[in-house]
Amino acid sequence: MAIRSNPLTRPSLPWVVKADLDDVTARNYIQDAGDSGVVVEFQGGDARTLDSFFSMVSSRLDFPDYFGRNWPALKDCLTDLEWLPADSYCLVFRSSDSLFADEPIERRAFLDTMKLSAEEWASPVAQGEWWDRPAIPFHVVMDLGIAEWDADQVAEVGELAS
């Protein structure tokens, strides 16, 4: 079921959005993104610390063994994903109030890394090489639990229109 104006299937802002994941429209957007690309869901409660976050993400996205378990290494893996080829990527975080609950200082680096990764995917690569590719949508959907984060961080997150 293709949704004509699905923001999750376009390589455009906002990269990180919040949504009521029980809302029918939000669920349809996510399902539609999965029809044409890769959707991976994460539970914030499984990533209360930076270490548990890196473990969860590297496991769910099948990162290579060389993943360095730091923010630059996460961005490197998120902007490669050659082992997980797709026309679009959508990472969905449930229980986002629990994400980094034990180390909330890491939330800033999380948002920055997700945005930088999405920006890189949104830029086409045209160098006449085998790795050339069109712009590819990469979005992060946070459930409404993100309202528990610092106000300045919440203000940076767009809304998935319903």
N, C-alpha and C. Protein backbone atom coordinates (compact mmCIF):
# COMPACT_ATOMS: atom_id res chain seq x y z
N MET A 1 0.85 -1.17 0.00
CA MET A 1 0.00 0.00 0.00
C MET A 1 0.89 1.23 0.00
N ALA A 2 1.14 1.82 -1.13
CA ALA A 2 1.98 3.01 -1.21
C ALA A 2 1.18 4.25 -0.82
N ILE A 3 1.75 5.03 0.08
CA ILE A 3 1.13 6.28 0.51
C ILE A 3 1.84 7.39 -0.24
N ARG A 4 1.10 8.14 -1.02
CA ARG A 4 1.69 9.12 -1.92
C ARG A 4 2.58 10.14 -1.20
N SER A 5 2.18 10.64 -0.06
CA SER A 5 2.93 11.72 0.59
C SER A 5 3.64 11.25 1.87
N ASN A 6 4.11 10.04 1.88
CA ASN A 6 4.76 9.50 3.07
C ASN A 6 6.13 10.17 3.28
N PRO A 7 6.28 10.93 4.35
CA PRO A 7 7.57 11.60 4.59
C PRO A 7 8.71 10.64 4.89
N LEU A 8 8.40 9.41 5.26
CA LEU A 8 9.45 8.44 5.59
C LEU A 8 10.06 7.80 4.35
N THR A 9 9.47 8.05 3.19
CA THR A 9 10.01 7.48 1.95
C THR A 9 10.62 8.55 1.04
N ARG A 10 10.85 9.74 1.61
CA ARG A 10 11.48 10.84 0.87
C ARG A 10 12.77 11.25 1.58
N PRO A 11 13.83 11.52 0.84
CA PRO A 11 15.09 11.94 1.47
C PRO A 11 15.07 13.43 1.81
N SER A 12 14.17 13.80 2.72
CA SER A 12 14.03 15.21 3.07
C SER A 12 13.74 15.37 4.56
N LEU A 13 13.99 16.57 5.05
CA LEU A 13 13.73 16.90 6.46
C LEU A 13 12.27 16.72 6.80
N PRO A 14 11.96 16.50 8.08
CA PRO A 14 12.87 16.30 9.20
C PRO A 14 13.38 14.86 9.23
N TRP A 15 14.62 14.71 9.69
CA TRP A 15 15.24 13.38 9.73
C TRP A 15 14.76 12.59 10.94
N VAL A 16 14.60 13.27 12.06
CA VAL A 16 14.15 12.63 13.29
C VAL A 16 12.78 13.20 13.63
N VAL A 17 11.80 12.31 13.79
CA VAL A 17 10.43 12.75 14.07
C VAL A 17 9.87 12.00 15.27
N LYS A 18 8.89 12.62 15.90
CA LYS A 18 8.17 11.93 16.97
C LYS A 18 6.78 11.60 16.44
N ALA A 19 6.22 10.52 16.96
CA ALA A 19 4.91 10.08 16.48
C ALA A 19 4.22 9.25 17.55
N ASP A 20 2.91 9.30 17.54
CA ASP A 20 2.11 8.39 18.35
C ASP A 20 2.08 7.08 17.58
N LEU A 21 2.82 6.09 18.05
CA LEU A 21 2.94 4.84 17.31
C LEU A 21 1.67 4.00 17.35
N ASP A 22 0.67 4.43 18.11
CA ASP A 22 -0.63 3.77 18.10
C ASP A 22 -1.57 4.41 17.08
N ASP A 23 -1.16 5.55 16.52
CA ASP A 23 -1.96 6.25 15.53
C ASP A 23 -1.95 5.48 14.21
N VAL A 24 -3.11 5.34 13.60
CA VAL A 24 -3.23 4.57 12.35
C VAL A 24 -2.36 5.17 11.25
N THR A 25 -2.36 6.48 11.11
CA THR A 25 -1.57 7.10 10.05
C THR A 25 -0.08 6.84 10.25
N ALA A 26 0.39 7.00 11.47
CA ALA A 26 1.81 6.74 11.75
C ALA A 26 2.15 5.29 11.45
N ARG A 27 1.29 4.38 11.87
CA ARG A 27 1.54 2.95 11.59
C ARG A 27 1.56 2.69 10.09
N ASN A 28 0.66 3.34 9.35
CA ASN A 28 0.63 3.17 7.89
C ASN A 28 1.89 3.71 7.24
N TYR A 29 2.37 4.87 7.70
CA TYR A 29 3.62 5.43 7.17
C TYR A 29 4.77 4.45 7.38
N ILE A 30 4.86 3.90 8.59
CA ILE A 30 5.96 2.98 8.91
C ILE A 30 5.83 1.70 8.10
N GLN A 31 4.62 1.17 7.99
CA GLN A 31 4.41 -0.04 7.19
C GLN A 31 4.77 0.21 5.73
N ASP A 32 4.35 1.34 5.20
CA ASP A 32 4.66 1.70 3.82
C ASP A 32 6.17 1.83 3.62
N ALA A 33 6.86 2.43 4.58
CA ALA A 33 8.32 2.54 4.49
C ALA A 33 8.96 1.16 4.46
N GLY A 34 8.38 0.22 5.18
CA GLY A 34 8.89 -1.15 5.18
C GLY A 34 8.61 -1.89 3.90
N ASP A 35 7.55 -1.49 3.19
CA ASP A 35 7.25 -2.13 1.91
C ASP A 35 8.31 -1.82 0.86
N SER A 36 8.92 -0.63 0.95
CA SER A 36 9.90 -0.24 -0.06
C SER A 36 11.32 -0.18 0.49
N GLY A 37 11.49 -0.41 1.78
CA GLY A 37 12.81 -0.31 2.37
C GLY A 37 12.93 -1.16 3.62
N VAL A 38 13.83 -0.76 4.48
CA VAL A 38 14.09 -1.48 5.72
C VAL A 38 13.58 -0.65 6.90
N VAL A 39 12.75 -1.28 7.73
CA VAL A 39 12.30 -0.68 8.99
C VAL A 39 12.79 -1.57 10.11
N VAL A 40 13.47 -0.98 11.08
CA VAL A 40 13.97 -1.73 12.23
C VAL A 40 13.44 -1.05 13.48
N GLU A 41 12.81 -1.84 14.34
CA GLU A 41 12.26 -1.30 15.59
C GLU A 41 13.19 -1.64 16.76
N PHE A 42 13.30 -0.68 17.67
CA PHE A 42 14.13 -0.81 18.86
C PHE A 42 13.29 -0.47 20.08
N GLN A 43 13.63 -1.08 21.20
CA GLN A 43 13.00 -0.78 22.49
C GLN A 43 13.96 0.05 23.33
N GLY A 44 13.54 1.25 23.68
CA GLY A 44 14.39 2.11 24.49
C GLY A 44 14.80 1.48 25.81
N GLY A 45 13.93 0.66 26.38
CA GLY A 45 14.25 -0.01 27.64
C GLY A 45 15.42 -0.96 27.52
N ASP A 46 15.74 -1.38 26.31
CA ASP A 46 16.89 -2.26 26.08
C ASP A 46 18.18 -1.46 25.94
N ALA A 47 18.09 -0.13 26.01
CA ALA A 47 19.26 0.72 25.79
C ALA A 47 19.27 1.89 26.77
N ARG A 48 19.31 1.57 28.03
CA ARG A 48 19.32 2.61 29.07
C ARG A 48 20.71 3.24 29.22
N THR A 49 21.74 2.57 28.70
CA THR A 49 23.11 3.07 28.77
C THR A 49 23.70 3.10 27.36
N LEU A 50 24.80 3.81 27.23
CA LEU A 50 25.46 3.89 25.93
C LEU A 50 25.92 2.51 25.47
N ASP A 51 26.49 1.74 26.37
CA ASP A 51 26.97 0.41 26.01
C ASP A 51 25.82 -0.48 25.54
N SER A 52 24.70 -0.45 26.27
CA SER A 52 23.57 -1.29 25.86
C SER A 52 22.96 -0.79 24.55
N PHE A 53 23.01 0.52 24.31
CA PHE A 53 22.53 1.07 23.03
C PHE A 53 23.37 0.54 21.87
N PHE A 54 24.69 0.64 22.00
CA PHE A 54 25.56 0.15 20.93
C PHE A 54 25.37 -1.34 20.70
N SER A 55 25.18 -2.10 21.76
CA SER A 55 24.93 -3.54 21.62
C SER A 55 23.63 -3.80 20.87
N MET A 56 22.58 -3.08 21.24
CA MET A 56 21.27 -3.27 20.62
C MET A 56 21.31 -2.90 19.13
N VAL A 57 21.84 -1.74 18.83
CA VAL A 57 21.85 -1.28 17.44
C VAL A 57 22.75 -2.16 16.58
N SER A 58 23.93 -2.48 17.08
CA SER A 58 24.84 -3.30 16.26
C SER A 58 24.27 -4.69 16.02
N SER A 59 23.55 -5.22 16.99
CA SER A 59 22.93 -6.54 16.81
C SER A 59 21.76 -6.48 15.83
N ARG A 60 20.86 -5.52 16.01
CA ARG A 60 19.66 -5.43 15.18
C ARG A 60 19.98 -5.05 13.73
N LEU A 61 21.04 -4.26 13.53
CA LEU A 61 21.42 -3.85 12.18
C LEU A 61 22.56 -4.70 11.62
N ASP A 62 22.94 -5.73 12.37
CA ASP A 62 23.96 -6.68 11.92
C ASP A 62 25.26 -5.99 11.52
N PHE A 63 25.73 -5.08 12.37
CA PHE A 63 26.97 -4.37 12.10
C PHE A 63 28.14 -5.35 12.00
N PRO A 64 29.15 -5.00 11.22
CA PRO A 64 30.35 -5.83 11.11
C PRO A 64 31.09 -5.90 12.46
N ASP A 65 31.91 -6.91 12.60
CA ASP A 65 32.67 -7.11 13.84
C ASP A 65 33.58 -5.93 14.17
N TYR A 66 33.98 -5.16 13.18
CA TYR A 66 34.90 -4.05 13.43
C TYR A 66 34.21 -2.80 14.00
N PHE A 67 32.89 -2.85 14.22
CA PHE A 67 32.19 -1.69 14.79
C PHE A 67 32.86 -1.27 16.09
N GLY A 68 33.25 -0.01 16.18
CA GLY A 68 34.05 0.48 17.30
C GLY A 68 33.32 0.90 18.55
N ARG A 69 31.99 0.81 18.57
CA ARG A 69 31.19 1.11 19.76
C ARG A 69 31.44 2.52 20.30
N ASN A 70 31.44 3.49 19.38
CA ASN A 70 31.50 4.91 19.75
C ASN A 70 30.69 5.67 18.71
N TRP A 71 30.43 6.95 18.96
CA TRP A 71 29.55 7.71 18.06
C TRP A 71 30.10 7.83 16.64
N PRO A 72 31.38 8.14 16.43
CA PRO A 72 31.88 8.19 15.05
C PRO A 72 31.75 6.84 14.33
N ALA A 73 32.01 5.75 15.05
CA ALA A 73 31.89 4.42 14.44
C ALA A 73 30.43 4.11 14.11
N LEU A 74 29.51 4.56 14.96
CA LEU A 74 28.09 4.36 14.67
C LEU A 74 27.71 5.09 13.39
N LYS A 75 28.14 6.34 13.26
CA LYS A 75 27.83 7.09 12.04
C LYS A 75 28.44 6.39 10.82
N ASP A 76 29.67 5.91 10.95
CA ASP A 76 30.30 5.20 9.83
C ASP A 76 29.47 4.00 9.40
N CYS A 77 29.01 3.21 10.36
CA CYS A 77 28.22 2.02 10.02
C CYS A 77 26.84 2.40 9.48
N LEU A 78 26.21 3.40 10.10
CA LEU A 78 24.88 3.81 9.64
C LEU A 78 24.91 4.39 8.23
N THR A 79 26.00 5.01 7.85
CA THR A 79 26.07 5.60 6.51
C THR A 79 26.69 4.66 5.48
N ASP A 80 26.97 3.44 5.89
CA ASP A 80 27.47 2.42 4.97
C ASP A 80 26.34 1.44 4.67
N LEU A 81 26.04 0.58 5.58
CA LEU A 81 24.95 -0.40 5.48
C LEU A 81 24.96 -1.19 4.17
N GLU A 82 26.15 -1.41 3.58
CA GLU A 82 26.21 -2.18 2.33
C GLU A 82 25.75 -3.62 2.54
N TRP A 83 25.80 -4.10 3.76
CA TRP A 83 25.34 -5.45 4.10
C TRP A 83 23.82 -5.51 4.27
N LEU A 84 23.17 -4.34 4.21
CA LEU A 84 21.73 -4.24 4.38
C LEU A 84 21.17 -3.29 3.32
N PRO A 85 21.32 -3.63 2.02
CA PRO A 85 20.92 -2.71 0.97
C PRO A 85 19.41 -2.49 0.96
N ALA A 86 19.01 -1.23 0.73
CA ALA A 86 17.59 -0.89 0.71
C ALA A 86 17.38 0.43 -0.02
N ASP A 87 16.13 0.66 -0.41
CA ASP A 87 15.76 1.92 -1.04
C ASP A 87 15.47 3.01 -0.01
N SER A 88 15.29 2.62 1.25
CA SER A 88 15.09 3.57 2.34
C SER A 88 15.33 2.86 3.66
N TYR A 89 15.61 3.67 4.68
CA TYR A 89 15.83 3.14 6.03
C TYR A 89 14.99 3.93 7.01
N CYS A 90 14.38 3.21 7.94
CA CYS A 90 13.59 3.84 8.99
C CYS A 90 13.86 3.11 10.30
N LEU A 91 14.39 3.84 11.27
CA LEU A 91 14.66 3.27 12.59
C LEU A 91 13.57 3.78 13.53
N VAL A 92 12.86 2.88 14.17
CA VAL A 92 11.74 3.23 15.04
C VAL A 92 12.12 2.90 16.48
N PHE A 93 12.01 3.90 17.35
CA PHE A 93 12.35 3.72 18.76
C PHE A 93 11.09 3.82 19.62
N ARG A 94 10.75 2.69 20.24
CA ARG A 94 9.64 2.65 21.20
C ARG A 94 10.21 2.85 22.60
N SER A 95 9.37 3.27 23.52
CA SER A 95 9.82 3.54 24.90
C SER A 95 11.03 4.47 24.89
N SER A 96 10.95 5.51 24.08
CA SER A 96 12.10 6.41 23.94
C SER A 96 12.40 7.17 25.23
N ASP A 97 11.45 7.24 26.15
CA ASP A 97 11.75 7.86 27.44
C ASP A 97 12.81 7.05 28.19
N SER A 98 12.90 5.76 27.92
CA SER A 98 13.90 4.90 28.57
C SER A 98 15.24 4.89 27.84
N LEU A 99 15.27 5.38 26.61
CA LEU A 99 16.52 5.40 25.83
C LEU A 99 17.53 6.32 26.52
N PHE A 100 18.65 5.78 26.91
CA PHE A 100 19.69 6.51 27.65
C PHE A 100 19.19 7.05 28.99
N ALA A 101 18.21 6.40 29.59
CA ALA A 101 17.66 6.89 30.86
C ALA A 101 18.72 6.94 31.96
N ASP A 102 19.69 6.04 31.92
CA ASP A 102 20.75 6.03 32.93
C ASP A 102 21.93 6.92 32.57
N GLU A 103 21.97 7.38 31.32
CA GLU A 103 23.04 8.27 30.85
C GLU A 103 22.44 9.31 29.89
N PRO A 104 21.54 10.17 30.40
CA PRO A 104 20.83 11.10 29.52
C PRO A 104 21.73 12.06 28.75
N ILE A 105 22.96 12.25 29.21
CA ILE A 105 23.88 13.12 28.49
C ILE A 105 24.14 12.60 27.07
N GLU A 106 23.95 11.30 26.84
CA GLU A 106 24.20 10.70 25.53
C GLU A 106 23.11 11.02 24.50
N ARG A 107 21.99 11.55 24.96
CA ARG A 107 20.88 11.83 24.03
C ARG A 107 21.26 12.87 22.98
N ARG A 108 22.07 13.85 23.36
CA ARG A 108 22.51 14.87 22.40
C ARG A 108 23.32 14.21 21.28
N ALA A 109 24.27 13.37 21.63
CA ALA A 109 25.10 12.70 20.62
C ALA A 109 24.24 11.78 19.75
N PHE A 110 23.25 11.14 20.35
CA PHE A 110 22.33 10.28 19.59
C PHE A 110 21.62 11.09 18.51
N LEU A 111 20.99 12.20 18.90
CA LEU A 111 20.27 13.02 17.92
C LEU A 111 21.21 13.54 16.84
N ASP A 112 22.36 14.04 17.24
CA ASP A 112 23.32 14.56 16.26
C ASP A 112 23.77 13.48 15.28
N THR A 113 24.05 12.29 15.79
CA THR A 113 24.52 11.20 14.93
C THR A 113 23.43 10.76 13.97
N MET A 114 22.20 10.68 14.43
CA MET A 114 21.09 10.28 13.55
C MET A 114 20.89 11.32 12.45
N LYS A 115 20.93 12.59 12.81
CA LYS A 115 20.75 13.66 11.82
C LYS A 115 21.88 13.66 10.79
N LEU A 116 23.12 13.55 11.26
CA LEU A 116 24.26 13.53 10.33
C LEU A 116 24.19 12.33 9.39
N SER A 117 23.78 11.20 9.91
CA SER A 117 23.65 10.00 9.07
C SER A 117 22.57 10.21 8.00
N ALA A 118 21.44 10.76 8.41
CA ALA A 118 20.35 11.00 7.46
C ALA A 118 20.75 12.01 6.39
N GLU A 119 21.46 13.05 6.79
CA GLU A 119 21.92 14.05 5.82
C GLU A 119 22.85 13.42 4.79
N GLU A 120 23.72 12.54 5.24
CA GLU A 120 24.64 11.89 4.30
C GLU A 120 23.88 11.01 3.31
N TRP A 121 22.90 10.24 3.81
CA TRP A 121 22.10 9.40 2.91
C TRP A 121 21.30 10.26 1.93
N ALA A 122 20.88 11.45 2.34
CA ALA A 122 20.05 12.30 1.48
C ALA A 122 20.84 12.94 0.34
N SER A 123 22.15 12.88 0.42
CA SER A 123 22.99 13.44 -0.65
C SER A 123 23.37 12.33 -1.62
N PRO A 124 22.98 12.48 -2.90
CA PRO A 124 23.35 11.44 -3.86
C PRO A 124 24.87 11.41 -4.06
N VAL A 125 25.36 10.25 -4.45
CA VAL A 125 26.77 10.08 -4.76
C VAL A 125 26.87 9.81 -6.25
N ALA A 126 27.55 10.70 -6.97
CA ALA A 126 27.69 10.57 -8.43
C ALA A 126 29.13 10.88 -8.81
N GLN A 127 29.99 9.90 -8.64
CA GLN A 127 31.41 10.08 -8.95
C GLN A 127 31.86 9.17 -10.09
N GLY A 128 30.89 8.53 -10.75
CA GLY A 128 31.24 7.62 -11.83
C GLY A 128 31.88 6.34 -11.33
N GLU A 129 31.59 5.98 -10.09
CA GLU A 129 32.17 4.78 -9.49
C GLU A 129 31.08 3.77 -9.15
N TRP A 130 31.51 2.57 -8.78
CA TRP A 130 30.56 1.50 -8.48
C TRP A 130 29.71 1.83 -7.26
N TRP A 131 30.18 2.73 -6.39
CA TRP A 131 29.44 3.04 -5.17
C TRP A 131 28.47 4.21 -5.35
N ASP A 132 28.35 4.72 -6.58
CA ASP A 132 27.38 5.78 -6.83
C ASP A 132 25.99 5.32 -6.41
N ARG A 133 25.18 6.26 -5.94
CA ARG A 133 23.82 5.93 -5.53
C ARG A 133 22.97 7.19 -5.55
N PRO A 134 21.67 7.03 -5.66
CA PRO A 134 20.79 8.20 -5.56
C PRO A 134 20.65 8.61 -4.09
N ALA A 135 19.98 9.70 -3.85
CA ALA A 135 19.62 10.08 -2.48
C ALA A 135 18.71 8.99 -1.92
N ILE A 136 18.94 8.60 -0.69
CA ILE A 136 18.17 7.52 -0.06
C ILE A 136 17.58 8.04 1.25
N PRO A 137 16.27 7.84 1.45
CA PRO A 137 15.65 8.28 2.70
C PRO A 137 16.20 7.50 3.90
N PHE A 138 16.50 8.22 4.96
CA PHE A 138 16.93 7.64 6.23
C PHE A 138 16.26 8.47 7.32
N HIS A 139 15.34 7.85 8.03
CA HIS A 139 14.58 8.57 9.06
C HIS A 139 14.57 7.80 10.37
N VAL A 140 14.42 8.54 11.44
CA VAL A 140 14.31 7.97 12.78
C VAL A 140 12.98 8.43 13.36
N VAL A 141 12.18 7.47 13.81
CA VAL A 141 10.88 7.77 14.41
C VAL A 141 10.96 7.43 15.90
N MET A 142 10.66 8.43 16.71
CA MET A 142 10.66 8.27 18.16
C MET A 142 9.21 8.28 18.64
N ASP A 143 8.87 7.40 19.58
CA ASP A 143 7.51 7.45 20.12
C ASP A 143 7.38 8.68 21.02
N LEU A 144 6.18 8.90 21.54
CA LEU A 144 5.91 10.12 22.30
C LEU A 144 6.64 10.17 23.63
N GLY A 145 7.29 9.09 24.03
CA GLY A 145 8.10 9.10 25.25
C GLY A 145 9.25 10.09 25.19
N ILE A 146 9.59 10.55 23.99
CA ILE A 146 10.67 11.52 23.86
C ILE A 146 10.32 12.83 24.57
N ALA A 147 9.06 13.04 24.87
CA ALA A 147 8.65 14.24 25.59
C ALA A 147 9.34 14.35 26.95
N GLU A 148 9.85 13.23 27.45
CA GLU A 148 10.55 13.21 28.74
C GLU A 148 12.00 13.70 28.62
N TRP A 149 12.50 13.86 27.41
CA TRP A 149 13.87 14.33 27.21
C TRP A 149 13.93 15.83 27.50
N ASP A 150 15.14 16.41 27.49
CA ASP A 150 15.29 17.85 27.69
C ASP A 150 14.51 18.60 26.62
N ALA A 151 13.94 19.72 27.02
CA ALA A 151 13.08 20.50 26.12
C ALA A 151 13.81 20.93 24.86
N ASP A 152 15.09 21.29 24.96
CA ASP A 152 15.81 21.72 23.76
C ASP A 152 16.00 20.58 22.78
N GLN A 153 16.13 19.36 23.29
CA GLN A 153 16.26 18.20 22.41
C GLN A 153 14.92 17.88 21.76
N VAL A 154 13.85 17.93 22.53
CA VAL A 154 12.52 17.66 21.99
C VAL A 154 12.17 18.69 20.92
N ALA A 155 12.58 19.93 21.12
CA ALA A 155 12.27 21.00 20.16
C ALA A 155 12.93 20.76 18.80
N GLU A 156 14.02 19.99 18.77
CA GLU A 156 14.71 19.71 17.51
C GLU A 156 14.05 18.61 16.69
N VAL A 157 13.15 17.89 17.31
CA VAL A 157 12.54 16.72 16.67
C VAL A 157 11.26 17.15 15.96
N GLY A 158 11.13 16.76 14.69
CA GLY A 158 9.93 17.08 13.94
C GLY A 158 8.77 16.20 14.36
N GLU A 159 7.64 16.40 13.72
CA GLU A 159 6.46 15.57 13.99
C GLU A 159 6.08 14.83 12.73
N LEU A 160 5.72 13.59 12.90
CA LEU A 160 5.23 12.80 11.78
C LEU A 160 3.77 13.16 11.61
N ALA A 161 3.48 13.94 10.60
CA ALA A 161 2.12 14.46 10.39
C ALA A 161 1.13 13.32 10.23
N SER A 162 -0.02 13.49 10.84
CA SER A 162 -1.06 12.46 10.71
C SER A 162 -2.28 13.03 10.03
